[in-house]
Protein backbone atom coordinates (compact mmCIF):
# COMPACT_ATOMS: atom_id res chain seq x y z
CA MET A 1 118.64 122.18 118.62
CA THR A 2 121.21 119.40 118.95
CA GLY A 3 121.79 116.74 116.32
CA GLU A 4 120.68 114.07 118.79
CA ARG A 5 117.32 115.72 119.50
CA LEU A 6 116.78 116.24 115.78
CA SER A 7 117.50 112.57 115.00
CA ILE A 8 115.19 111.24 117.69
CA ARG A 9 112.35 113.41 116.43
CA LEU A 10 112.91 112.28 112.86
CA THR A 11 112.93 108.67 114.02
CA PHE A 12 109.43 109.23 115.36
CA LEU A 13 108.39 110.75 112.08
CA VAL A 14 109.66 107.82 110.05
CA LEU A 15 107.98 105.35 112.36
CA CYS A 16 104.68 107.18 112.20
CA SER A 17 104.88 107.36 108.46
CA LEU A 18 104.67 103.60 108.11
CA VAL A 19 101.45 103.38 106.20
CA LEU A 20 98.48 101.90 108.01
CA LEU A 21 97.72 98.60 106.36
CA THR A 22 94.24 97.75 105.23
CA ALA A 23 92.76 94.29 105.27
CA CYS A 24 90.92 94.76 101.99
CA GLY A 25 93.91 94.47 99.71
CA HIS A 26 94.18 90.70 99.67
CA VAL A 27 92.39 88.58 97.09
CA GLU A 28 90.48 85.66 98.58
CA GLU A 29 88.21 83.14 96.92
CA ALA A 30 85.51 83.60 99.52
CA ARG A 31 85.09 85.83 102.54
CA SER A 32 83.10 84.78 105.56
CA ALA A 33 80.85 87.17 107.44
CA ARG A 34 83.48 87.36 110.21
CA GLN A 35 86.20 88.28 107.75
CA GLN A 36 84.02 90.98 106.21
CA GLN A 37 83.27 92.36 109.66
CA ALA A 38 86.98 92.36 110.52
CA THR A 39 87.70 94.30 107.34
CA GLU A 40 85.03 96.85 108.25
CA PHE A 41 86.56 97.30 111.72
CA ASN A 42 89.99 97.74 110.12
CA GLN A 43 88.72 100.41 107.75
CA ARG A 44 86.87 102.25 110.53
CA ALA A 45 90.07 102.17 112.58
CA GLN A 46 92.04 103.64 109.70
CA ARG A 47 89.58 106.51 109.35
CA ALA A 48 89.69 107.16 113.11
CA PHE A 49 93.48 107.22 113.01
CA GLN A 50 93.48 109.74 110.18
CA ARG A 51 91.20 111.97 112.28
CA GLY A 52 93.64 111.74 115.20
CA GLU A 53 91.26 109.59 117.28
CA TYR A 54 93.97 107.12 118.25
CA GLN A 55 92.25 105.40 121.16
CA VAL A 56 89.17 104.83 119.04
CA ALA A 57 91.38 103.43 116.29
CA ALA A 58 93.03 101.06 118.75
CA SER A 59 89.63 99.72 119.87
CA PHE A 60 88.55 99.05 116.28
CA TYR A 61 91.84 97.32 115.49
CA GLU A 62 91.45 95.15 118.60
CA ASN A 63 87.98 94.14 117.43
CA ALA A 64 89.31 93.30 113.98
CA LEU A 65 92.18 91.30 115.46
CA GLN A 66 89.87 89.21 117.63
CA LEU A 67 87.72 88.32 114.64
CA ASP A 68 90.74 87.42 112.51
CA VAL A 69 92.22 85.27 115.28
CA ALA A 70 88.88 83.44 115.64
CA VAL A 71 88.94 82.34 111.98
CA GLU A 72 92.75 82.14 111.72
CA ASN A 73 92.96 84.76 108.98
CA VAL A 74 96.75 85.00 108.99
CA ASN A 75 97.01 88.11 106.80
CA GLY A 76 94.39 89.89 108.88
CA ILE A 77 96.15 88.97 112.13
CA ALA A 78 99.45 90.38 110.85
CA ILE A 79 97.88 93.56 109.51
CA ASN A 80 96.02 94.34 112.71
CA MET A 81 99.00 93.62 114.96
CA LEU A 82 101.16 95.94 112.86
CA ASN A 83 98.52 98.65 113.04
CA LEU A 84 98.07 98.18 116.79
CA ALA A 85 101.82 98.53 117.23
CA LYS A 86 101.74 101.79 115.31
CA VAL A 87 98.79 103.20 117.25
CA SER A 88 100.36 102.16 120.57
CA GLN A 89 103.57 103.96 119.66
CA VAL A 90 101.69 107.13 118.70
CA LEU A 91 99.89 106.96 122.04
CA GLY A 92 103.28 106.84 123.77
CA ASN A 93 103.12 103.19 124.82
CA ASN A 94 106.31 101.85 123.25
CA ALA A 95 106.32 98.77 125.48
CA LEU A 96 102.91 97.71 124.19
CA ALA A 97 103.96 98.46 120.61
CA GLN A 98 106.98 96.20 121.08
CA ARG A 99 104.82 93.39 122.47
CA TYR A 100 102.59 93.49 119.38
CA LEU A 101 105.62 93.36 117.11
CA ASP A 102 107.29 90.59 119.08
CA SER A 103 104.11 88.51 119.05
CA LEU A 104 104.25 88.68 115.26
CA LEU A 105 107.99 88.18 114.86
CA GLU A 106 108.28 85.36 117.39
CA ASP A 107 105.18 83.37 116.44
CA LYS A 108 106.25 79.76 115.82
CA SER A 109 102.81 78.45 114.86
CA LEU A 110 101.56 80.75 112.12
CA HIS A 111 103.47 81.58 108.95
CA TYR A 112 103.24 85.27 108.05
CA ALA A 113 104.04 86.82 104.69
CA PRO A 114 107.65 88.07 104.39
CA GLN A 115 106.43 91.63 103.75
CA HIS A 116 104.52 91.63 107.04
CA LEU A 117 107.61 90.35 108.86
CA ALA A 118 109.69 93.04 107.14
CA ALA A 119 107.23 95.73 108.25
CA ALA A 120 107.37 94.44 111.83
CA ALA A 121 111.17 94.35 111.77
CA VAL A 122 111.56 97.91 110.51
CA GLN A 123 109.11 99.16 113.17
CA ARG A 124 111.11 97.21 115.75
CA SER A 125 114.28 98.87 114.44
CA LEU A 126 112.87 102.35 114.84
CA LEU A 127 111.60 101.61 118.33
CA ARG A 128 115.12 100.49 119.29
CA LEU A 129 116.47 103.73 117.86
CA GLN A 130 114.05 105.72 119.98
CA GLU A 131 115.46 103.89 122.98
CA ASN A 132 118.97 105.03 121.95
CA ASP A 133 120.01 101.54 120.89
CA PRO A 134 121.54 102.08 117.44
CA ALA A 135 123.14 98.62 117.39
CA GLY A 136 119.77 97.00 118.02
CA ALA A 137 118.17 99.25 115.41
CA ALA A 138 120.76 98.20 112.83
CA THR A 139 120.20 94.52 113.61
CA TRP A 140 116.46 94.79 113.06
CA VAL A 141 116.71 96.88 109.89
CA ASP A 142 119.05 94.24 108.46
CA LYS A 143 116.44 91.58 109.23
CA ALA A 144 113.80 93.72 107.55
CA ALA A 145 115.97 93.92 104.42
CA VAL A 146 116.28 90.13 104.32
CA TRP A 147 112.50 89.66 104.50
CA CYS A 148 111.93 92.45 101.98
CA ALA A 149 112.69 90.39 98.90
CA ALA A 150 110.65 89.93 95.72
CA ASP A 151 107.75 92.33 95.17
CA CYS A 152 108.44 94.07 98.48
CA THR A 153 107.12 97.63 98.70
CA LEU A 154 109.04 98.58 101.85
CA ILE A 155 112.50 99.24 100.40
CA GLY A 156 112.03 103.00 100.70
CA VAL A 157 110.86 102.63 104.32
CA ILE A 158 113.90 100.50 105.16
CA ASP A 159 116.30 102.98 103.57
CA ASN A 160 114.66 105.81 105.52
CA ALA A 161 115.24 103.78 108.68
CA ARG A 162 118.90 103.36 107.75
CA ALA A 163 119.10 107.13 107.20
CA SER A 164 117.62 107.70 110.67
CA ILE A 165 120.23 105.43 112.24
CA ALA A 166 122.98 107.37 110.47
CA LEU A 167 121.43 110.69 111.51
CA GLN A 168 121.37 109.68 115.17
CA ALA A 169 125.11 109.08 114.85
CA ASN A 170 125.46 112.56 113.25
CA ASP A 171 126.90 110.92 110.14
CA ALA A 172 125.85 113.40 107.46
CA ASP A 173 127.30 111.48 104.52
CA LYS A 174 125.59 108.18 105.36
CA THR A 175 122.34 109.98 106.14
CA LEU A 176 122.51 111.68 102.77
CA TYR A 177 123.27 108.43 100.95
CA TRP A 178 120.35 106.49 102.43
CA SER A 179 117.82 109.33 102.40
CA GLU A 180 118.49 110.25 98.77
CA ARG A 181 118.26 106.60 97.80
CA ALA A 182 114.98 106.35 99.72
CA ALA A 183 113.67 109.49 98.03
CA SER A 184 114.25 107.98 94.58
CA GLU A 185 112.41 104.82 95.66
CA ASN A 186 109.49 106.62 97.28
CA LYS A 187 108.91 109.45 94.81
CA GLY A 188 105.68 108.94 92.90
CA VAL A 189 104.97 105.78 94.90
CA ALA A 190 104.54 106.69 98.57
CA LEU A 191 104.04 110.37 99.37
CA LEU A 192 104.36 109.96 103.15
CA GLU A 193 107.66 108.15 102.83
CA TYR A 194 108.89 110.55 100.15
CA ALA A 195 108.27 113.48 102.51
CA ASN A 196 110.19 111.61 105.23
CA SER A 197 113.06 111.12 102.80
CA LEU A 198 113.06 114.85 102.08
CA ARG A 199 113.18 115.69 105.80
CA LEU A 200 116.03 113.27 106.40
CA THR A 201 117.95 114.66 103.43
CA ALA A 202 117.33 118.20 104.70
CA SER A 203 118.66 117.19 108.12
CA ALA A 204 121.81 115.84 106.48
CA ARG A 205 122.22 119.10 104.59
CA LEU A 206 121.89 121.00 107.86
CA LEU A 207 124.59 118.84 109.42
CA LYS A 208 126.77 119.71 106.43
CA ASN A 209 125.95 123.41 106.98
CA GLU A 210 124.00 123.71 103.72
CA PRO A 211 120.87 125.57 104.89
CA ASP A 212 119.77 126.77 101.44
CA ALA A 213 119.67 123.21 100.09
CA ALA A 214 117.82 122.12 103.21
CA LEU A 215 115.18 124.83 102.76
CA ARG A 216 114.43 123.75 99.20
CA LEU A 217 113.84 120.19 100.38
CA LEU A 218 111.70 121.34 103.29
CA GLU A 219 109.52 123.50 101.07
CA GLU A 220 108.67 120.39 99.04
CA ALA A 221 108.06 118.31 102.16
CA LEU A 222 105.82 121.02 103.60
CA ALA A 223 103.69 121.15 100.46
CA ILE A 224 103.22 117.38 100.57
CA ASP A 225 102.35 117.32 104.26
CA LYS A 226 99.84 120.13 103.82
CA SER A 227 98.21 118.26 100.94
CA LEU A 228 97.93 115.17 103.15
CA GLY A 229 96.67 117.16 106.14
CA LEU A 230 99.31 115.98 108.63
CA PRO A 231 99.69 118.56 111.44
CA GLU A 232 102.63 116.98 113.25
CA LYS A 233 104.63 116.58 110.08
CA ILE A 234 103.85 120.17 109.07
CA ARG A 235 105.11 121.27 112.49
CA GLN A 236 108.37 119.37 112.01
CA ASP A 237 108.86 120.87 108.55
CA LEU A 238 108.47 124.34 110.06
CA LEU A 239 110.89 123.65 112.91
CA LEU A 240 113.55 122.35 110.57
CA SER A 241 112.98 125.35 108.32
CA ALA A 242 113.48 127.60 111.33
CA GLN A 243 116.78 125.88 112.01
CA ALA A 244 117.83 126.37 108.38
CA HIS A 245 116.96 130.08 108.48
CA GLU A 246 118.87 130.45 111.73
CA LYS A 247 121.95 128.85 110.16
CA SER A 248 121.61 131.33 107.30
CA GLY A 249 121.60 134.22 109.75
CA HIS A 250 117.92 135.05 109.21
CA ALA A 251 116.84 135.32 112.83
CA GLU A 252 113.51 137.04 112.10
CA GLN A 253 112.43 134.40 109.60
CA ALA A 254 113.53 131.65 111.96
CA ALA A 255 111.33 133.16 114.68
CA GLN A 256 108.37 133.30 112.30
CA PHE A 257 108.70 129.61 111.43
CA ARG A 258 108.95 128.66 115.11
CA ASP A 259 105.85 130.72 115.85
CA ARG A 260 103.95 128.91 113.09
CA ALA A 261 105.09 125.56 114.50
CA ALA A 262 104.01 126.58 118.00
CA ARG A 263 100.51 127.43 116.79
CA ILE A 264 100.14 123.94 115.34
CA ALA A 265 101.47 122.36 118.54
CA ALA A 266 98.89 124.32 120.53
CA THR A 267 96.09 122.51 118.70
CA ALA A 268 97.35 119.22 120.21
CA LEU A 269 96.67 117.46 116.89
CA LYS A 270 99.13 114.72 115.97
């Protein structure tokens, strides 16, 4: 497995780890029937996404977005566009994902919360990285960092994105710096992002030819991903573990981990 293929796959993992936002976390003095219905659609979409029913999730998010647009619920509009961008990317429609993000980032009429703009910018960064545009990815992650100011909960996500950019350049030292920093920010706060940090750190260790250190990190990531029930992330943990065993000269163990990963892939669950 080449470093470039590894970095692109990890970019996807970081992007897909961006936590689905829920519309119920904002305090409002009063909620209209339309806003309550939009929240219900958002929550149903989140449950569908967790089951791997991505097209169903997209339909629910579209319904929620239409309701929020109708009553100009700015927070709801931002949340549902971010979620639609994520679902579109998982479905393989990066162009549509980018349109959702651009509609949020380039809106001159509505004023979105800085954290929502930061979330859109970091997703935009990772999409650029998937398109092999590291310069564009760096530009957008810098914008995300500017928006991620006081009380921002996305610092660990942004640092994981910076680690992914470094990994795509096969820069083990920079990858290690950003991923370990992200791990310290995400640990005990955001399990999905913490597991991503562990995978990125393990990838850096593999680039530095430190397979034993990588395996220890991957064992922890695998335990987290199993506890969260995330098949695709489990598969990636196993594939990276196979690479680590191969670097250690354990061909039989490497083959076993690849076989386990292949069984998960055969289920077609993401």
